[in-house]
Amino acid sequence: GGQRWWDPEWRAEKLASMHGGEGRTPAVQVDQAQWHQRFANFKASGNKEIILRENFGREGADLIQQLASDVGLYSKSYGKGRGTVLAVSSVPLPNYRADLDSKLQEHNNTQHVGMDRHAMAMVKDALQSLPAAPPDNTGWADENSG
């Protein structure tokens, strides 16, 4: 027959054959009893938040969020695809979390540059040779002058 994208079984087989299973990590299986107990212990402990970065798949993530809700916790998923992160909390969660945004972390890829000992010594000597400023001088121009 033809293409049957509306059929979930056919679609799953087709997508698996297209990707060949390469480069994809299988979704972590969710043990309902284990997660229910873990969330109950978490709530009793008084901790604020659990961050889950494992790949549970869409169904697994939905199940974990339902289990958290059953225990009286809040949960929210952040990100899409492989970058999805689940947060489970004892307090309501915001719609956006910059600390869990994988795209933001990619863009803010800053490098810290250090100085070698010789350059550091030169800067230190240069700063020490500057005349000392009077204690009341903050180095900022007075707004009322000029």
Protein backbone atom coordinates (compact mmCIF):
# COMPACT_ATOMS: atom_id res chain seq x y z
CA GLY A 1 0.00 0.00 0.00
CA GLY A 2 0.71 3.65 0.13
CA GLN A 3 1.84 5.92 2.86
CA ARG A 4 -0.18 5.81 6.06
CA TRP A 5 1.23 8.63 8.18
CA TRP A 6 -2.01 8.74 10.17
CA ASP A 7 -1.37 5.16 11.40
CA PRO A 8 0.88 5.31 14.54
CA GLU A 9 2.32 1.82 14.05
CA TRP A 10 3.13 2.37 10.38
CA ARG A 11 4.59 5.82 11.15
CA ALA A 12 6.83 4.40 13.91
CA GLU A 13 8.12 1.68 11.59
CA LYS A 14 8.68 4.15 8.75
CA LEU A 15 10.55 6.63 10.94
CA ALA A 16 12.68 3.86 12.43
CA SER A 17 13.59 2.62 8.95
CA MET A 18 14.36 6.15 7.76
CA HIS A 19 16.68 6.91 10.66
CA GLY A 20 18.08 3.42 10.89
CA GLY A 21 18.23 3.89 14.65
CA GLU A 22 21.64 5.52 14.28
CA GLY A 23 22.59 8.42 16.51
CA ARG A 24 19.44 8.12 18.54
CA THR A 25 19.54 7.21 22.17
CA PRO A 26 16.67 5.01 23.24
CA ALA A 27 14.21 6.53 25.67
CA VAL A 28 14.74 5.62 29.31
CA GLN A 29 11.97 3.36 30.58
CA VAL A 30 9.88 4.82 33.39
CA ASP A 31 9.27 2.55 36.39
CA GLN A 32 6.07 4.05 37.78
CA ALA A 33 6.41 2.64 41.29
CA GLN A 34 10.04 3.77 41.56
CA TRP A 35 9.31 7.32 40.38
CA HIS A 36 6.19 7.60 42.55
CA GLN A 37 8.27 6.63 45.60
CA ARG A 38 11.08 8.98 44.58
CA PHE A 39 8.68 11.91 44.26
CA ALA A 40 7.00 11.09 47.59
CA ASN A 41 10.43 11.02 49.29
CA PHE A 42 11.37 14.27 47.55
CA LYS A 43 8.24 16.02 48.77
CA ALA A 44 8.80 14.79 52.34
CA SER A 45 12.45 15.94 52.29
CA GLY A 46 11.56 19.61 51.84
CA ASN A 47 13.89 20.03 48.86
CA LYS A 48 12.84 22.55 46.21
CA GLU A 49 13.55 20.96 42.83
CA ILE A 50 14.68 17.95 40.81
CA ILE A 51 16.08 18.47 37.30
CA LEU A 52 15.83 15.45 34.97
CA ARG A 53 17.96 15.52 31.82
CA GLU A 54 17.45 11.90 30.79
CA ASN A 55 15.70 11.10 27.51
CA PHE A 56 12.36 9.66 28.62
CA GLY A 57 10.66 10.23 25.29
CA ARG A 58 7.41 12.12 24.97
CA GLU A 59 5.28 9.42 26.60
CA GLY A 60 7.77 8.89 29.44
CA ALA A 61 7.97 12.62 30.13
CA ASP A 62 4.17 12.84 30.22
CA LEU A 63 4.05 9.89 32.63
CA ILE A 64 6.66 11.45 34.93
CA GLN A 65 4.74 14.73 34.96
CA GLN A 66 1.54 12.85 35.81
CA LEU A 67 3.26 10.96 38.65
CA ALA A 68 4.63 14.23 40.04
CA SER A 69 1.18 15.77 39.88
CA ASP A 70 -0.33 12.74 41.69
CA VAL A 71 2.04 13.35 44.60
CA GLY A 72 1.20 17.07 44.67
CA LEU A 73 4.32 18.41 42.94
CA TYR A 74 4.61 20.82 40.03
CA SER A 75 6.41 19.84 36.84
CA LYS A 76 7.25 21.43 33.53
CA SER A 77 9.30 20.44 30.51
CA TYR A 78 11.72 22.94 29.02
CA GLY A 79 13.24 22.73 25.54
CA LYS A 80 12.44 20.49 22.62
CA GLY A 81 13.77 17.26 21.19
CA ARG A 82 17.05 16.01 22.61
CA GLY A 83 17.46 19.17 24.67
CA THR A 84 14.29 18.59 26.69
CA VAL A 85 14.74 18.97 30.43
CA LEU A 86 12.09 18.08 33.00
CA ALA A 87 11.85 20.09 36.21
CA VAL A 88 9.87 18.78 39.18
CA SER A 89 9.35 21.23 42.01
CA SER A 90 7.50 21.78 45.25
CA VAL A 91 6.64 25.32 44.07
CA PRO A 92 5.00 26.44 40.79
CA LEU A 93 7.42 26.69 37.89
CA PRO A 94 7.74 29.57 35.39
CA ASN A 95 7.10 29.11 31.69
CA TYR A 96 10.74 29.89 30.83
CA ARG A 97 13.99 29.12 32.62
CA ALA A 98 17.17 30.64 31.19
CA ASP A 99 19.31 28.26 33.25
CA LEU A 100 17.73 25.29 31.43
CA ASP A 101 17.75 26.80 27.93
CA SER A 102 20.26 24.77 25.90
CA LYS A 103 20.12 27.21 22.96
CA LEU A 104 20.94 30.13 25.23
CA GLN A 105 23.90 28.23 26.65
CA GLU A 106 25.16 27.55 23.10
CA HIS A 107 25.04 31.26 22.23
CA ASN A 108 26.69 32.39 25.47
CA ASN A 109 29.76 30.30 24.87
CA THR A 110 32.24 32.70 26.49
CA GLN A 111 35.89 31.95 26.92
CA HIS A 112 37.85 33.16 29.88
CA VAL A 113 41.27 34.36 28.86
CA GLY A 114 44.03 34.38 31.43
CA MET A 115 47.32 36.25 31.38
CA ASP A 116 50.69 34.63 31.69
CA ARG A 117 52.87 35.56 34.67
CA HIS A 118 54.99 38.05 32.72
CA ALA A 119 51.98 39.99 31.44
CA MET A 120 50.38 39.94 34.90
CA ALA A 121 53.60 41.34 36.43
CA MET A 122 53.73 44.12 33.82
CA VAL A 123 50.13 45.16 34.56
CA LYS A 124 50.76 45.05 38.30
CA ASP A 125 53.87 47.24 37.98
CA ALA A 126 52.01 49.71 35.75
CA LEU A 127 49.14 50.00 38.21
CA GLN A 128 51.49 50.47 41.16
CA SER A 129 53.35 53.25 39.36
CA LEU A 130 50.17 55.32 38.95
CA PRO A 131 49.77 58.17 41.43
CA ALA A 132 47.31 57.41 44.20
CA ALA A 133 43.96 59.18 43.91
CA PRO A 134 42.62 61.18 46.84
CA PRO A 135 40.26 59.09 49.01
CA ASP A 136 37.17 61.19 48.16
CA ASN A 137 37.73 60.88 44.39
CA THR A 138 35.65 58.00 43.07
CA GLY A 139 36.89 58.45 39.54
CA TRP A 140 33.47 59.46 38.25
CA ALA A 141 32.85 62.89 36.77
CA ASP A 142 30.70 65.18 38.89
CA GLU A 143 27.25 65.53 37.29
CA ASN A 144 27.04 69.21 38.22
CA SER A 145 30.34 70.21 36.60
CA GLY A 146 30.85 71.19 33.00
